[in-house]
């Protein structure tokens, strides 16, 4: 009987281990699903106009091209890939921020800034589009005009 009792105990422990592995697998699958859904939601972000940010950004390529020549003089091609640059423009009463990636303007976020703190010249620049060469310049702009 002792051999039979220890065999039953071994089977119970084995069954517990199997149940724990299955539960862990289900939890891991749920976590992966949540992460994937969050990523999909992030990339499908649209503004109130219903247009995709990338299609609105197409009109900004001219400004990028004009500034590209100046950037080429300051570093190598490898340096430019590592440096993030940004483009700000007023659209539908909001200030949109685009990240410039290899000549493409990709929607980044909306700027939460106080227009009352801006000079008229800055407001006009935002209507036409304002190109910022670095992430530091973007943060400086946001810090200067945030409440």
Protein backbone atom coordinates (compact mmCIF):
# COMPACT_ATOMS: atom_id res chain seq x y z
CA UNK A 1 0.00 0.00 0.00
CA UNK A 2 2.85 2.40 0.63
CA UNK A 3 3.96 2.18 -2.96
CA UNK A 4 0.41 2.92 -4.14
CA UNK A 5 0.06 5.95 -1.80
CA UNK A 6 3.35 7.49 -2.90
CA UNK A 7 2.36 6.90 -6.54
CA UNK A 8 -0.93 8.79 -5.98
CA UNK A 9 1.00 11.64 -4.32
CA UNK A 10 3.36 11.79 -7.31
CA UNK A 11 0.37 11.90 -9.71
CA UNK A 12 -1.23 14.77 -7.72
CA UNK A 13 1.99 16.79 -7.87
CA UNK A 14 2.32 16.02 -11.57
CA UNK A 15 -1.27 17.15 -12.19
CA UNK A 16 -0.68 20.36 -10.20
CA UNK A 17 2.40 21.09 -12.27
CA UNK A 18 0.44 20.58 -15.50
CA UNK A 19 -2.36 22.89 -14.28
CA UNK A 20 0.21 25.56 -13.30
CA UNK A 21 1.86 25.37 -16.72
CA UNK A 22 -1.50 25.70 -18.48
CA UNK A 23 -2.49 28.69 -16.32
CA UNK A 24 0.85 30.36 -17.00
CA UNK A 25 0.40 29.80 -20.75
CA UNK A 26 -3.09 31.32 -20.71
CA UNK A 27 -1.88 34.38 -18.75
CA UNK A 28 1.05 34.86 -21.11
CA UNK A 29 -1.25 34.63 -24.15
CA UNK A 30 -3.63 37.21 -22.64
CA UNK A 31 -0.76 39.61 -21.94
CA UNK A 32 0.55 39.28 -25.50
CA UNK A 33 -2.97 39.91 -26.84
CA UNK A 34 -3.35 43.08 -24.75
CA UNK A 35 0.04 44.40 -25.90
CA UNK A 36 -0.79 43.73 -29.56
CA UNK A 37 -4.18 45.44 -29.25
CA UNK A 38 -2.55 48.50 -27.64
CA UNK A 39 0.01 48.72 -30.43
CA UNK A 40 -2.67 48.43 -33.11
CA UNK A 41 -4.75 51.14 -31.42
CA UNK A 42 -1.72 53.43 -31.24
CA UNK A 43 -0.93 53.10 -34.94
CA UNK A 44 -4.54 53.68 -36.02
CA UNK A 45 -4.74 57.04 -34.24
CA UNK A 46 -6.79 59.59 -36.21
CA UNK A 47 -7.80 63.16 -35.54
CA UNK A 48 -11.35 64.56 -35.67
CA UNK A 49 -11.21 65.25 -39.40
CA UNK A 50 -11.16 61.52 -40.10
CA UNK A 51 -8.06 61.78 -42.29
CA UNK A 52 -5.02 59.67 -41.56
CA UNK A 53 -2.14 61.78 -40.20
CA UNK A 54 0.27 60.46 -42.84
CA UNK A 55 -1.92 61.77 -45.70
CA UNK A 56 -2.07 65.22 -44.08
CA UNK A 57 1.70 65.11 -43.66
CA UNK A 58 2.33 64.74 -47.40
CA UNK A 59 1.99 68.49 -47.90
CA UNK A 60 4.82 69.09 -45.44
CA UNK A 61 7.49 67.30 -47.46
CA UNK A 62 8.42 70.55 -49.22
CA UNK A 63 9.51 72.11 -45.92
CA UNK A 64 11.49 68.98 -45.06
CA UNK A 65 13.26 69.08 -48.44
CA UNK A 66 14.15 72.75 -47.97
CA UNK A 67 15.74 72.01 -44.60
CA UNK A 68 17.40 68.78 -45.76
CA UNK A 69 20.13 70.68 -47.63
CA UNK A 70 21.06 72.58 -44.46
CA UNK A 71 21.18 69.33 -42.44
CA UNK A 72 23.51 67.66 -44.95
CA UNK A 73 26.11 70.32 -44.23
CA UNK A 74 26.13 69.55 -40.50
CA UNK A 75 26.81 65.80 -40.49
CA UNK A 76 27.12 62.51 -42.32
CA UNK A 77 24.22 60.43 -43.57
CA UNK A 78 24.64 58.09 -40.58
CA UNK A 79 24.39 61.05 -38.20
CA UNK A 80 21.14 62.20 -39.80
CA UNK A 81 19.49 58.82 -39.34
CA UNK A 82 20.14 58.95 -35.59
CA UNK A 83 18.95 62.56 -35.12
CA UNK A 84 15.19 62.95 -34.80
CA UNK A 85 13.65 66.08 -36.26
CA UNK A 86 10.11 67.37 -35.90
CA UNK A 87 7.60 69.40 -37.83
CA UNK A 88 4.83 71.41 -36.10
CA UNK A 89 1.81 72.81 -37.89
CA UNK A 90 -1.56 74.22 -36.88
CA UNK A 91 -4.40 72.05 -38.20
CA UNK A 92 -8.07 72.41 -37.34
CA UNK A 93 -7.27 74.62 -34.34
CA UNK A 94 -4.75 72.13 -32.91
CA UNK A 95 -0.98 72.08 -33.16
CA UNK A 96 0.09 68.75 -34.62
CA UNK A 97 3.59 67.38 -34.12
CA UNK A 98 5.09 65.16 -36.79
CA UNK A 99 8.31 63.20 -36.49
CA UNK A 100 10.40 63.35 -39.65
CA UNK A 101 11.69 59.86 -40.51
CA UNK A 102 13.76 59.48 -43.68
CA UNK A 103 11.78 62.12 -45.53
CA UNK A 104 8.37 60.96 -44.27
CA UNK A 105 6.34 62.97 -41.77
CA UNK A 106 4.71 60.60 -39.27
CA UNK A 107 2.11 61.89 -36.82
CA UNK A 108 3.63 62.03 -33.32
CA UNK A 109 1.22 63.90 -31.00
CA UNK A 110 -0.71 67.09 -30.42
CA UNK A 111 1.07 69.97 -28.63
CA UNK A 112 -0.66 71.17 -25.48
CA UNK A 113 0.56 74.76 -25.48
CA UNK A 114 -0.78 78.22 -24.68
CA UNK A 115 -1.15 80.32 -27.82
CA UNK A 116 -1.47 83.45 -25.65
CA UNK A 117 2.20 83.06 -24.70
CA UNK A 118 3.32 83.01 -28.36
CA UNK A 119 4.47 85.94 -30.41
CA UNK A 120 2.57 86.76 -33.60
CA UNK A 121 5.60 85.59 -35.58
CA UNK A 122 5.50 82.15 -33.90
CA UNK A 123 1.76 81.86 -34.57
CA UNK A 124 2.35 82.64 -38.25
CA UNK A 125 5.19 80.11 -38.43
CA UNK A 126 2.88 77.43 -37.01
CA UNK A 127 0.26 78.18 -39.66
CA UNK A 128 2.87 77.62 -42.39
CA UNK A 129 4.74 74.87 -40.55
CA UNK A 130 7.65 75.02 -38.13
CA UNK A 131 10.61 72.63 -38.56
CA UNK A 132 12.64 71.74 -35.44
CA UNK A 133 15.98 70.01 -36.01
CA UNK A 134 16.24 68.04 -32.76
CA UNK A 135 14.22 66.50 -29.97
CA UNK A 136 15.81 69.05 -27.62
CA UNK A 137 14.41 71.91 -29.74
CA UNK A 138 10.95 70.29 -29.62
CA UNK A 139 11.06 70.00 -25.82
CA UNK A 140 12.33 73.56 -25.51
CA UNK A 141 9.42 74.80 -27.66
CA UNK A 142 6.87 72.81 -25.65
CA UNK A 143 8.33 73.96 -22.35
CA UNK A 144 8.42 77.61 -23.43
CA UNK A 145 4.75 77.70 -24.44
CA UNK A 146 3.17 75.32 -21.94
CA UNK A 147 1.16 76.74 -19.08
